[in-house]
Protein backbone atom coordinates (compact mmCIF):
# COMPACT_ATOMS: atom_id res chain seq x y z
CA MET A 1 220.93 112.04 44.10
CA GLY A 2 223.84 113.54 42.19
CA SER A 3 227.49 112.65 42.96
CA VAL A 4 229.32 114.75 45.58
CA ARG A 5 231.88 117.25 44.28
CA THR A 6 235.52 116.55 44.94
CA VAL A 7 237.32 119.68 46.29
CA VAL A 8 240.78 118.18 46.90
CA GLU A 9 242.36 115.52 44.80
CA LEU A 10 245.94 114.08 45.22
CA ASP A 11 247.06 111.81 42.37
CA GLY A 12 250.28 109.78 42.88
CA VAL A 13 251.86 112.59 45.15
CA ARG A 14 255.46 111.75 46.13
CA VAL A 15 257.56 114.07 48.21
CA GLU A 16 261.25 113.54 48.76
CA TYR A 17 263.97 115.31 50.87
CA GLY A 18 267.17 113.88 49.49
CA GLU A 19 267.08 110.12 50.33
CA LEU A 20 264.17 110.60 52.75
CA VAL A 21 260.77 109.85 51.23
CA ALA A 22 258.23 111.93 53.18
CA VAL A 23 255.15 110.98 51.04
CA ARG A 24 254.97 107.77 48.89
CA ASP A 25 252.71 107.89 45.77
CA LEU A 26 249.79 109.06 47.77
CA SER A 27 246.46 109.42 46.16
CA LEU A 28 243.25 110.75 48.01
CA SER A 29 240.01 112.71 47.45
CA VAL A 30 238.22 115.07 49.82
CA ARG A 31 234.50 115.69 49.30
CA ASP A 32 232.66 119.13 49.25
CA GLY A 33 231.28 119.76 52.78
CA GLU A 34 233.24 117.09 54.82
CA LEU A 35 235.80 117.32 57.50
CA PHE A 36 238.66 114.93 56.50
CA CYS A 37 241.24 114.09 59.13
CA LEU A 38 244.69 112.91 58.21
CA LEU A 39 245.66 110.80 61.26
CA GLY A 40 249.06 109.20 62.05
CA PRO A 41 252.18 109.21 64.24
CA SER A 42 254.83 111.82 64.16
CA GLY A 43 256.87 111.63 61.04
CA CYS A 44 254.24 109.70 59.03
CA GLY A 45 253.93 112.45 56.28
CA LYS A 46 250.69 113.93 57.23
CA THR A 47 251.84 117.52 57.71
CA THR A 48 253.99 117.27 54.62
CA THR A 49 250.84 116.03 52.70
CA LEU A 50 248.79 119.15 54.00
CA ARG A 51 251.68 121.55 53.07
CA THR A 52 251.76 120.03 49.63
CA ILE A 53 248.04 120.80 49.19
CA ALA A 54 248.64 124.33 50.53
CA GLY A 55 251.40 124.84 48.02
CA PHE A 56 254.28 125.20 50.75
CA GLU A 57 255.90 122.02 49.41
CA SER A 58 256.30 120.92 45.82
CA PRO A 59 255.72 117.27 44.93
CA ASP A 60 258.47 115.42 43.04
CA THR A 61 255.83 113.53 41.31
CA GLY A 62 251.99 113.55 41.06
CA GLN A 63 249.33 116.18 40.74
CA VAL A 64 247.34 118.41 43.16
CA VAL A 65 243.92 119.45 42.08
CA LEU A 66 241.65 121.87 44.03
CA ASP A 67 238.02 122.09 42.99
CA GLY A 68 238.80 120.80 39.56
CA ARG A 69 241.80 123.06 38.82
CA THR A 70 245.38 121.62 38.69
CA VAL A 71 247.43 123.74 41.03
CA THR A 72 250.60 121.59 41.41
CA ASP A 73 252.82 124.36 40.19
CA LEU A 74 250.95 127.31 41.69
CA ALA A 75 252.15 129.39 44.65
CA PRO A 76 250.17 129.20 47.94
CA TYR A 77 248.48 132.64 47.41
CA ALA A 78 247.17 131.44 44.03
CA ARG A 79 245.27 128.46 45.40
CA ASP A 80 241.82 128.93 46.70
CA CYS A 81 242.61 127.60 50.33
CA ALA A 82 243.63 128.86 53.59
CA THR A 83 245.71 127.30 56.40
CA VAL A 84 245.50 127.41 60.20
CA PHE A 85 248.91 126.54 61.75
CA GLN A 86 249.76 124.90 64.85
CA ASP A 87 251.42 128.17 66.28
CA TRP A 88 248.44 130.38 65.13
CA ALA A 89 250.89 132.84 63.33
CA LEU A 90 249.04 135.95 64.45
CA PHE A 91 250.58 139.38 63.85
CA PRO A 92 251.44 140.68 67.40
CA ASN A 93 251.39 144.36 66.25
CA LYS A 94 247.83 144.21 64.86
CA THR A 95 244.43 144.14 66.68
CA VAL A 96 242.18 141.11 66.52
CA ILE A 97 240.04 142.59 63.70
CA GLU A 98 243.14 143.62 61.70
CA ASN A 99 244.41 140.11 61.89
CA VAL A 100 241.02 138.70 60.82
CA ALA A 101 240.73 141.13 57.96
CA PHE A 102 244.26 140.86 56.71
CA GLY A 103 243.64 138.43 54.04
CA GLN A 104 240.76 140.49 52.61
CA LYS A 105 242.96 143.57 52.67
CA MET A 106 245.71 141.83 50.56
CA ALA A 107 242.91 140.77 48.07
CA GLY A 108 242.00 144.49 47.64
CA VAL A 109 238.77 144.58 49.51
CA GLY A 110 237.70 147.94 50.86
CA LYS A 111 238.33 148.79 54.43
CA THR A 112 234.49 149.15 55.38
CA GLU A 113 233.56 145.81 53.63
CA ARG A 114 236.52 143.72 55.02
CA ARG A 115 235.91 145.07 58.52
CA GLU A 116 232.25 144.17 58.33
CA GLN A 117 233.16 140.56 57.04
CA ALA A 118 235.80 140.30 59.77
CA ARG A 119 233.17 141.16 62.48
CA ASP A 120 230.90 138.41 61.13
CA HIS A 121 233.68 135.98 61.34
CA LEU A 122 234.54 136.98 64.77
CA GLU A 123 231.01 136.44 65.79
CA THR A 124 231.06 132.96 64.20
CA VAL A 125 233.88 132.02 66.61
CA GLU A 126 232.37 133.97 69.53
CA MET A 127 235.01 136.50 69.74
CA GLY A 128 232.99 139.66 68.68
CA ASP A 129 233.81 141.45 71.84
CA TYR A 130 237.63 141.31 71.38
CA GLU A 131 238.10 143.18 68.07
CA ASP A 132 240.31 145.79 69.45
CA ALA A 133 242.42 143.41 71.52
CA ARG A 134 245.95 142.39 70.69
CA PRO A 135 247.29 138.63 70.52
CA ALA A 136 249.29 139.19 73.68
CA GLU A 137 246.10 139.86 75.71
CA LEU A 138 244.42 136.61 74.50
CA SER A 139 244.49 133.02 75.92
CA GLY A 140 245.60 130.12 73.80
CA GLY A 141 242.00 129.19 73.09
CA GLN A 142 241.15 132.70 72.14
CA LYS A 143 244.16 132.88 69.78
CA GLN A 144 243.06 129.80 68.09
CA ARG A 145 239.63 131.23 67.47
CA ILE A 146 241.24 134.29 65.83
CA ALA A 147 243.38 132.27 63.67
CA LEU A 148 240.28 130.11 62.54
CA ALA A 149 238.31 133.32 61.89
CA ARG A 150 241.12 134.82 59.83
CA SER A 151 241.23 131.76 57.65
CA LEU A 152 237.55 131.68 57.14
CA ALA A 153 237.48 135.43 56.32
CA VAL A 154 238.97 134.71 52.82
CA ASN A 155 236.12 132.40 52.05
CA PRO A 156 238.35 129.54 50.96
CA ASN A 157 236.99 126.55 48.89
CA VAL A 158 238.79 124.31 51.51
CA LEU A 159 240.33 125.08 54.86
CA LEU A 160 243.55 123.30 55.93
CA LEU A 161 244.30 122.82 59.65
CA ASP A 162 247.74 121.55 60.80
CA GLU A 163 247.36 120.25 64.33
CA PRO A 164 245.77 123.42 65.46
CA LEU A 165 244.91 122.44 69.07
CA SER A 166 247.99 120.64 70.05
CA ASN A 167 249.25 123.66 72.21
CA LEU A 168 246.01 123.64 74.32
CA ASP A 169 245.29 122.00 77.62
CA LYS A 170 242.94 118.73 77.32
CA ARG A 171 239.78 120.36 78.51
CA LEU A 172 240.15 123.39 76.23
CA ARG A 173 241.18 121.19 73.37
CA GLU A 174 238.06 119.15 73.72
CA THR A 175 235.90 122.28 73.79
CA MET A 176 237.54 123.67 70.74
CA GLN A 177 237.01 120.22 68.90
CA LEU A 178 233.31 120.64 69.30
CA GLU A 179 233.33 124.33 68.29
CA ILE A 180 235.23 123.44 65.05
CA LYS A 181 232.98 120.70 64.20
CA GLU A 182 229.97 122.93 64.79
CA ILE A 183 231.39 125.70 62.66
CA GLN A 184 232.22 123.44 59.90
CA GLU A 185 228.83 121.89 59.81
CA ARG A 186 227.18 125.31 59.87
CA LEU A 187 229.25 126.94 57.14
CA ASP A 188 229.56 123.65 55.18
CA THR A 189 233.22 124.49 54.50
CA PRO A 190 235.35 121.49 53.59
CA MET A 191 238.26 120.95 55.88
CA VAL A 192 241.36 118.89 55.84
CA TYR A 193 242.59 118.38 59.48
CA VAL A 194 245.99 116.88 60.45
CA THR A 195 246.31 115.21 63.87
CA HIS A 196 248.11 112.54 65.73
CA ASP A 197 245.39 112.30 68.28
CA GLN A 198 242.92 109.34 67.71
CA GLU A 199 240.16 110.69 69.85
CA GLU A 200 240.34 114.10 68.22
CA ALA A 201 239.99 112.41 64.77
CA PHE A 202 237.12 110.34 65.98
CA THR A 203 235.38 113.47 67.40
CA LEU A 204 235.87 115.63 64.38
CA ALA A 205 235.95 113.57 61.28
CA ASP A 206 233.47 112.57 58.66
CA ARG A 207 236.14 110.40 57.18
CA ILE A 208 239.79 109.59 58.51
CA GLY A 209 242.81 108.77 56.39
CA VAL A 210 245.26 106.89 58.38
CA MET A 211 248.89 107.43 57.35
CA ASN A 212 252.12 105.50 58.15
CA ASP A 213 255.65 105.82 56.68
CA GLY A 214 254.40 108.36 54.01
CA ARG A 215 251.49 106.06 52.78
CA LEU A 216 247.72 106.31 53.08
CA VAL A 217 246.95 103.01 54.72
CA GLN A 218 243.21 103.21 55.15
CA VAL A 219 240.35 105.76 54.59
CA GLY A 220 236.90 105.37 56.04
CA ASP A 221 234.44 106.82 58.41
CA PRO A 222 235.60 106.67 62.10
CA GLU A 223 233.45 103.70 62.98
CA THR A 224 234.73 101.64 59.93
CA VAL A 225 238.37 102.49 60.51
CA TYR A 226 238.12 101.44 64.07
CA ASP A 227 235.92 98.32 63.71
CA ASP A 228 237.45 97.03 60.40
CA PRO A 229 241.26 97.76 60.48
CA VAL A 230 242.97 96.72 57.19
CA ASP A 231 246.30 95.82 58.92
CA GLN A 232 248.12 95.57 62.22
CA PHE A 233 249.43 99.05 62.26
CA VAL A 234 246.04 100.66 62.09
CA GLU A 235 244.80 98.26 64.77
CA SER A 236 247.71 99.13 66.98
CA PHE A 237 247.67 102.81 66.37
CA LEU A 238 243.95 103.32 66.94
CA GLY A 239 243.63 101.32 70.18
CA ASN A 240 245.36 99.63 73.06
CA SER A 241 245.09 96.13 71.82
CA ASN A 242 246.70 93.12 73.42
CA PHE A 243 248.78 91.31 70.61
CA LEU A 244 249.37 87.57 70.97
CA SER A 245 252.03 85.91 68.62
CA GLY A 246 251.31 82.55 66.95
CA ARG A 247 252.48 80.37 64.16
CA VAL A 248 250.81 78.19 61.61
CA VAL A 249 251.42 74.54 62.49
CA GLY A 250 249.29 72.75 59.92
CA SER A 251 246.57 72.97 57.40
CA GLY A 252 243.60 70.91 56.26
CA THR A 253 239.90 71.21 56.09
CA ASP A 254 237.76 73.44 58.13
CA ARG A 255 236.33 71.50 61.11
CA HIS A 256 233.01 73.18 60.61
CA ASP A 257 232.89 73.20 56.86
CA THR A 258 234.81 70.44 55.19
CA ALA A 259 234.52 72.11 51.77
CA ARG A 260 236.63 74.91 53.00
CA ARG A 261 240.55 75.00 53.68
CA ALA A 262 241.76 76.03 56.96
CA VAL A 263 245.11 76.47 58.82
CA THR A 264 245.76 75.69 62.35
CA VAL A 265 247.47 78.40 64.38
CA GLU A 266 249.16 77.79 67.72
CA PHE A 267 249.55 80.59 70.23
CA PRO A 268 252.20 79.07 72.71
CA ALA A 269 252.34 81.99 74.99
CA VAL A 270 248.83 81.42 76.07
CA GLY A 271 248.64 77.60 75.59
CA ALA A 272 246.08 77.77 72.88
CA GLU A 273 245.51 77.08 69.18
CA THR A 274 242.74 77.89 66.69
CA GLN A 275 241.73 77.30 63.09
CA LEU A 276 241.50 80.02 60.53
CA SER A 277 239.29 79.20 57.59
CA ALA A 278 239.91 80.57 54.05
CA ALA A 279 243.38 81.77 55.04
CA ASN A 280 244.76 80.80 51.63
CA SER A 281 247.84 82.89 51.81
CA LEU A 282 249.15 81.27 54.88
CA ALA A 283 251.55 78.30 54.91
CA THR A 284 253.03 76.10 57.79
CA GLY A 285 255.50 78.11 59.69
CA ASP A 286 254.10 81.46 58.88
CA GLU A 287 253.69 83.93 61.88
CA VAL A 288 250.18 85.13 62.78
CA THR A 289 249.36 87.84 65.22
CA ALA A 290 246.08 87.89 67.24
CA SER A 291 244.57 91.13 68.53
CA VAL A 292 242.53 91.04 71.60
CA ARG A 293 241.10 94.46 72.41
CA PRO A 294 240.77 95.35 76.23
CA GLU A 295 237.10 96.10 75.80
CA ILE A 296 236.16 92.51 74.88
CA VAL A 297 237.78 90.91 77.77
CA GLU A 298 235.77 89.61 80.56
CA LEU A 299 237.52 89.79 83.98
CA SER A 300 236.49 88.10 87.16
CA PRO A 301 238.08 87.10 90.62
CA LEU A 302 238.84 83.53 91.22
CA SER A 303 237.95 83.70 94.94
CA GLY A 304 234.33 83.80 94.20
CA GLY A 305 232.70 87.31 93.73
CA THR A 306 231.21 88.68 90.65
CA ALA A 307 232.70 88.80 87.05
CA VAL A 308 232.37 91.99 85.10
CA SER A 309 231.83 91.53 81.46
CA PRO A 310 232.36 94.10 78.67
CA ASP A 311 228.54 94.76 78.27
CA GLY A 312 228.12 95.32 81.97
CA GLY A 313 226.62 91.85 82.51
CA THR A 314 227.49 89.78 85.53
CA PRO A 315 228.21 86.14 84.59
CA GLU A 316 229.01 83.65 87.21
CA ALA A 317 232.56 83.93 88.35
CA ASP A 318 234.87 80.93 87.76
CA THR A 319 236.45 79.65 91.04
CA THR A 320 238.60 77.03 89.51
CA GLU A 321 242.11 77.33 88.29
CA GLN A 322 242.12 75.44 84.91
CA HIS A 323 243.72 76.28 81.64
CA ASN A 324 242.21 75.87 78.15
CA THR A 325 244.55 74.16 75.64
CA ASP A 326 242.23 74.99 72.75
CA ILE A 327 240.98 78.49 71.90
CA GLU A 328 237.61 76.99 71.00
CA GLN A 329 237.07 75.25 74.28
CA GLY A 330 234.46 76.57 76.60
CA ALA A 331 230.81 77.79 76.06
CA GLY A 332 230.15 80.06 73.13
CA ASN A 333 233.58 79.72 71.55
CA ARG A 334 235.29 81.68 74.39
CA MET A 335 238.95 81.59 75.24
CA ALA A 336 239.81 81.40 79.04
CA LEU A 337 242.96 82.19 80.87
CA ILE A 338 244.00 82.29 84.48
CA GLY A 339 246.36 85.04 85.67
CA THR A 340 247.47 87.43 88.46
CA VAL A 341 246.76 91.11 88.62
CA LEU A 342 250.11 92.96 88.38
CA ASP A 343 248.94 96.53 88.52
CA VAL A 344 245.82 98.55 88.83
CA VAL A 345 245.89 102.05 87.23
CA TYR A 346 243.07 104.55 88.07
CA ARG A 347 242.48 106.80 84.99
CA GLY A 348 239.63 109.07 86.12
CA SER A 349 236.63 107.66 84.28
CA SER A 350 238.13 104.23 83.82
CA ILE A 351 240.45 101.67 85.45
CA ARG A 352 243.18 99.68 83.66
CA TYR A 353 244.24 96.31 84.94
CA GLN A 354 247.62 94.83 83.96
CA VAL A 355 247.29 90.89 84.15
CA GLY A 356 250.05 88.47 83.91
CA VAL A 357 248.84 85.00 82.64
CA ASP A 358 249.86 81.78 84.16
CA THR A 359 250.83 79.96 80.84
CA ASN A 360 253.72 82.31 80.15
CA GLU A 361 255.36 84.68 82.64
CA SER A 362 256.31 87.16 79.94
CA VAL A 363 252.79 87.65 78.57
CA GLU A 364 250.77 90.42 80.07
CA LEU A 365 247.13 91.47 79.11
CA PHE A 366 245.44 94.75 79.63
CA VAL A 367 241.79 95.10 80.52
CA GLU A 368 239.99 98.43 80.79
CA ARG A 369 236.65 99.17 82.58
CA SER A 370 234.57 102.19 83.38
CA VAL A 371 234.74 103.07 87.05
CA ALA A 372 231.11 102.23 87.44
CA ARG A 373 231.45 98.64 86.53
CA ALA A 374 235.10 97.92 87.43
CA PRO A 375 235.66 94.93 89.72
CA ASP A 376 237.35 95.48 93.12
CA LEU A 377 240.82 94.08 92.32
CA SER A 378 244.31 94.69 93.73
CA ALA A 379 247.83 93.68 92.57
CA GLY A 380 248.27 90.03 93.51
CA ASP A 381 244.68 89.02 93.14
CA ARG A 382 244.10 85.91 91.15
CA VAL A 383 241.63 86.34 88.18
CA ARG A 384 240.12 84.70 85.15
CA LEU A 385 240.15 86.41 81.73
CA SER A 386 237.89 85.20 78.96
CA TRP A 387 236.79 86.56 75.57
CA ASP A 388 234.71 85.72 72.42
CA ILE A 389 237.12 84.53 69.82
CA THR A 390 234.81 85.91 67.07
CA ALA A 391 235.81 89.33 68.29
CA VAL A 392 239.41 88.69 67.73
CA TYR A 393 241.39 90.20 64.81
CA TYR A 394 244.21 88.28 62.97
CA PHE A 395 247.11 89.51 60.96
CA GLY A 396 249.56 87.73 58.65
CA PRO A 397 253.38 87.85 58.48
CA ASP A 398 253.23 91.16 56.47
CA GLY A 399 250.85 92.76 58.93
CA ALA A 400 247.78 92.55 56.58
CA ARG A 401 244.42 91.61 58.15
CA ILE A 402 243.47 87.92 57.77
CA ARG A 403 239.74 87.83 57.15
CA VAL A 404 238.13 84.67 58.24
């Protein structure tokens, strides 16, 4: 099997606006036929990166290469790419088919040929019956389909999409996500898609590039990025984790493998400590953060009843109020805490529980369950929380992942 062709390559791209650095020495490659999502919060540099690929921004340093051709200094019209904007940018005085055919008209394609091609692309986005309509007569979703068809009509080597669905309501946005994915796979057109919506990125992307403060922090397929975050920012941005602050209180040999070095980390807020093996970069006094995702927490009422575990099982509920002083106490290396339900939020398909733990009044943990397997709890109920410590992520003082 041969190597996959690279259609977009950024090499050390840096974009500055005076003292503001929008993109910091960013390098990435987009493969032929893939949908690559640039994901990050507002102001992280993702749209500037997309605009730099398109030619609307000029990098202060670095190179932009499209399909093997260096285009860093070329104008947007000289690059073999097309852009779908957040506000659609349709011509209000032109019909749908005139909008879609506009790029081909500028390229000198004859009227008959360009209208035939425009009709084909309107059929692709299921808007063939609207060729004589004007943008003012269309809904938001229909306008987005027309904008997509117009960009596809110029047969670009790569299609760039800048948060194209952000102006649509949730239901229509989810429908359009699936349609864009289906069209991309059918046409095999590589796309670079900018979004701040994690679910949208997971739905669409073959690979995701997570950005923060102008930097590309992590690149990988959706499962890898979610299950194997490289740092605390990625972990916090992609989920709703519970973060517990700890500190290294000593070092020595691993209690399970005396040939390995380990550090002992104390988490005073939950009255627990643990050993992290092979954490060679940590020293006594260093801060460590533990991430406990809501989906790994088992929640059960203290007054009897049935516990509800993350996998839907029903382990026996704990009816005693006792606290662990070591994170490795309990069967199966499980951490256990006692707390009080502070709030229960119904979220349609799921229920979110906010629980204050007894060991520290300021610590609150969030647990989320599907409605079908959510325990019947109310604010004020006493509960037991527990989780498998092997499913916990740890991060060092600089936010980097500690791999143990």
